[in-house]
Protein backbone atom coordinates (compact mmCIF):
# COMPACT_ATOMS: atom_id res chain seq x y z
CA MET A 1 268.54 103.34 114.84
CA SER A 2 270.52 100.30 113.69
CA SER A 3 269.96 98.86 110.23
CA GLU A 4 271.02 95.40 111.38
CA PRO A 5 268.25 92.81 111.24
CA GLN A 6 266.85 91.96 114.63
CA PRO A 7 266.69 88.30 115.65
CA MET A 8 263.31 86.62 115.83
CA ARG A 9 261.81 87.16 119.27
CA VAL A 10 259.70 84.48 120.87
CA MET A 11 257.03 85.42 123.37
CA LYS A 12 257.49 83.78 126.73
CA GLY A 13 255.34 83.79 129.84
CA ASN A 14 251.69 82.94 130.10
CA LEU A 15 251.47 80.95 126.86
CA ALA A 16 247.80 80.01 127.24
CA GLY A 17 246.84 83.62 127.92
CA THR A 18 248.94 84.87 125.02
CA MET A 19 247.40 82.31 122.65
CA THR A 20 243.88 83.05 123.82
CA GLU A 21 244.35 86.79 123.37
CA GLY A 22 246.01 86.21 120.00
CA PHE A 23 243.12 84.01 118.90
CA VAL A 24 240.64 86.72 119.90
CA MET A 25 242.66 89.30 117.96
CA GLY A 26 242.64 86.98 114.97
CA VAL A 27 238.86 86.70 115.23
CA LEU A 28 238.51 90.50 115.47
CA SER A 29 240.81 90.89 112.47
CA THR A 30 238.65 88.36 110.63
CA LEU A 31 235.62 90.54 111.39
CA CYS A 32 237.32 93.53 109.73
CA MET A 33 238.26 91.37 106.76
CA SER A 34 234.73 89.98 106.47
CA VAL A 35 233.13 93.44 106.39
CA TRP A 36 235.33 94.29 103.39
CA MET A 37 234.52 90.98 101.68
CA LEU A 38 230.77 91.48 102.03
CA LEU A 39 230.83 95.12 100.92
CA ALA A 40 233.16 94.51 97.98
CA ASN A 41 231.21 91.49 96.79
CA ARG A 42 227.89 93.35 97.01
CA MET A 43 229.22 96.39 95.15
CA THR A 44 230.27 94.28 92.19
CA PRO A 45 228.76 95.23 88.83
CA VAL A 46 227.89 91.57 88.23
CA LYS A 47 224.14 90.95 88.61
CA GLN A 48 224.53 87.96 90.91
CA PRO A 49 227.61 88.28 93.16
CA ASP A 50 229.62 85.09 93.55
CA PRO A 51 229.39 83.28 96.86
CA LEU A 52 232.38 84.24 98.96
CA PRO A 53 235.11 81.64 99.52
CA PRO A 54 234.24 80.82 103.17
CA GLU A 55 230.76 79.78 102.03
CA GLU A 56 232.08 77.73 99.11
CA ILE A 57 234.79 76.10 101.21
CA THR A 58 232.26 75.09 103.87
CA ARG A 59 229.88 73.78 101.19
CA HIS A 60 232.64 71.61 99.71
CA LEU A 61 233.69 70.44 103.17
CA THR A 62 230.16 69.42 104.17
CA GLU A 63 229.78 67.61 100.83
CA LYS A 64 233.03 65.69 101.44
CA LEU A 65 231.83 64.80 104.95
CA LYS A 66 228.44 63.81 103.50
CA VAL A 67 226.51 66.05 105.89
CA ASP A 68 225.46 68.72 103.39
CA ASP A 69 221.97 67.24 102.99
CA GLN A 70 221.49 67.43 106.76
CA LEU A 71 222.04 71.20 106.91
CA SER A 72 219.57 73.90 106.00
CA ASP A 73 220.78 76.95 104.06
CA SER A 74 220.69 78.92 107.31
CA GLN A 75 222.77 76.30 109.14
CA GLN A 76 225.22 76.17 106.23
CA LYS A 77 225.69 79.97 106.40
CA LYS A 78 226.19 79.86 110.17
CA LEU A 79 228.72 77.05 109.80
CA SER A 80 230.53 79.09 107.11
CA LEU A 81 230.82 82.03 109.49
CA PHE A 82 231.99 79.81 112.33
CA ASN A 83 234.62 78.13 110.11
CA HIS A 84 235.86 81.45 108.75
CA PHE A 85 236.28 83.06 112.18
CA LEU A 86 237.82 79.90 113.66
CA TYR A 87 240.37 79.70 110.84
CA GLY A 88 241.16 83.42 111.12
CA GLY A 89 241.73 83.07 114.84
CA LEU A 90 243.90 79.98 114.51
CA LEU A 91 246.02 81.40 111.69
CA ALA A 92 246.79 84.44 113.84
CA LEU A 93 248.65 82.29 116.37
CA PRO A 94 251.98 81.90 114.52
CA LEU A 95 252.22 85.67 114.16
CA VAL A 96 251.30 86.11 117.83
CA LEU A 97 253.92 83.66 119.04
CA PHE A 98 256.77 84.69 116.73
CA ARG A 99 256.75 88.46 116.36
CA PRO A 100 259.97 89.79 114.87
CA SER A 101 259.09 93.48 115.19
CA SER A 102 258.90 95.94 118.01
CA THR A 103 257.49 99.00 116.21
CA ALA A 104 253.88 99.62 115.22
CA LYS A 105 254.75 100.35 111.59
CA LYS A 106 256.78 97.15 111.29
CA SER A 107 254.09 95.12 113.07
CA VAL A 108 251.49 96.25 110.53
CA SER A 109 253.85 95.60 107.61
CA GLN A 110 254.77 92.17 108.91
CA GLY A 111 251.10 91.37 109.48
CA MET A 112 250.38 92.27 105.86
CA ILE A 113 253.27 90.16 104.55
CA TYR A 114 252.14 87.26 106.73
CA ALA A 115 248.57 87.67 105.44
CA LEU A 116 249.73 87.52 101.81
CA GLY A 117 251.53 84.30 102.67
CA VAL A 118 248.34 82.95 104.23
CA TRP A 119 246.34 83.89 101.11
CA PHE A 120 248.88 82.44 98.70
CA SER A 121 249.47 79.18 100.59
CA ASN A 122 245.74 78.58 101.02
CA TYR A 123 244.38 79.68 97.63
CA TYR A 124 247.22 78.23 95.55
CA GLY A 125 248.07 75.29 97.80
CA LEU A 126 246.03 73.85 100.63
CA LEU A 127 242.46 74.52 99.47
CA PRO A 128 242.92 73.23 95.89
CA VAL A 129 244.88 70.18 97.10
CA LEU A 130 242.05 69.33 99.52
CA LYS A 131 239.54 70.07 96.74
CA LEU A 132 237.76 72.58 98.96
CA TYR A 133 238.18 75.56 96.64
CA PRO A 134 239.61 76.06 93.15
CA SER A 135 243.09 77.47 92.76
CA ALA A 136 243.27 81.26 92.62
CA LYS A 137 244.61 80.95 89.07
CA HIS A 138 241.11 79.73 88.05
CA GLU A 139 239.26 82.49 89.89
CA PRO A 140 238.11 85.75 88.29
CA ALA A 141 240.51 88.65 88.86
CA ARG A 142 237.70 90.48 90.71
CA MET A 143 237.39 87.72 93.33
CA ASN A 144 241.17 87.41 93.71
CA GLY A 145 241.34 91.18 94.20
CA ILE A 146 238.63 91.09 96.85
CA MET A 147 240.37 88.27 98.69
CA ILE A 148 243.87 89.76 98.50
CA VAL A 149 242.63 93.08 99.90
CA ALA A 150 240.64 91.17 102.55
CA HIS A 151 243.77 89.34 103.66
CA LEU A 152 245.76 92.58 103.72
CA ILE A 153 243.06 94.04 105.97
CA TRP A 154 243.25 90.96 108.19
CA GLY A 155 247.04 91.12 108.42
CA SER A 156 247.29 94.86 108.97
CA THR A 157 244.59 94.77 111.63
CA LEU A 158 246.28 91.84 113.34
CA GLY A 159 249.64 93.62 113.17
CA LEU A 160 248.07 96.75 114.62
CA PHE A 161 246.48 94.75 117.46
CA LEU A 162 249.83 93.08 118.17
CA GLY A 163 251.92 96.23 117.95
CA PRO A 164 253.97 97.61 120.82
CA GLY A 165 252.06 98.64 123.88
CA HIS A 166 249.30 96.13 123.30
CA TYR A 167 248.04 94.03 126.18
CA VAL A 168 249.65 90.81 124.85
CA VAL A 169 253.06 92.45 124.63
CA GLN A 170 252.75 94.05 128.07
CA ARG A 171 251.72 90.82 129.79
CA SER A 172 254.28 88.58 128.10
CA LYS A 173 258.01 88.52 128.50
CA VAL A 174 259.98 88.82 125.31
CA TYR A 175 262.98 86.63 124.77
CA GLN A 176 265.85 87.87 122.58
């Protein structure tokens, strides 16, 4: 086994099919992440668990769009779920299209590293800049811990789904 770094490999072939399958895998990975978020937040010793970020982000977004007063609590929760799964599916696409690894172990590791980048860039960058969620530096350590583990679950699950032998890899040609 060579220790030389492998060049980035770009998936080629049925791009629409690859992206669709990757989006679905991102959504499934988001489901795994969401189960952890709900369980961890409910098991907290705090009497009233904090609302989870997807709910807060959606609340801030609907306030900015001035549609928050038009949505019931039930509609707001459904919109939060929709937004969270949509974002998870979309953010899976770069990893689906540019996969540098060909082994399952590396795919999982790279998925986890990618997920930490997603967490960091969103919770320290994009979300605070857009005023949709406070910076992670202002969040309680408990919530940051929940969200970091959630993103690691998302990334490892996505990496596992995208590992060698998976349907996306078998159907697509790999360019080196």
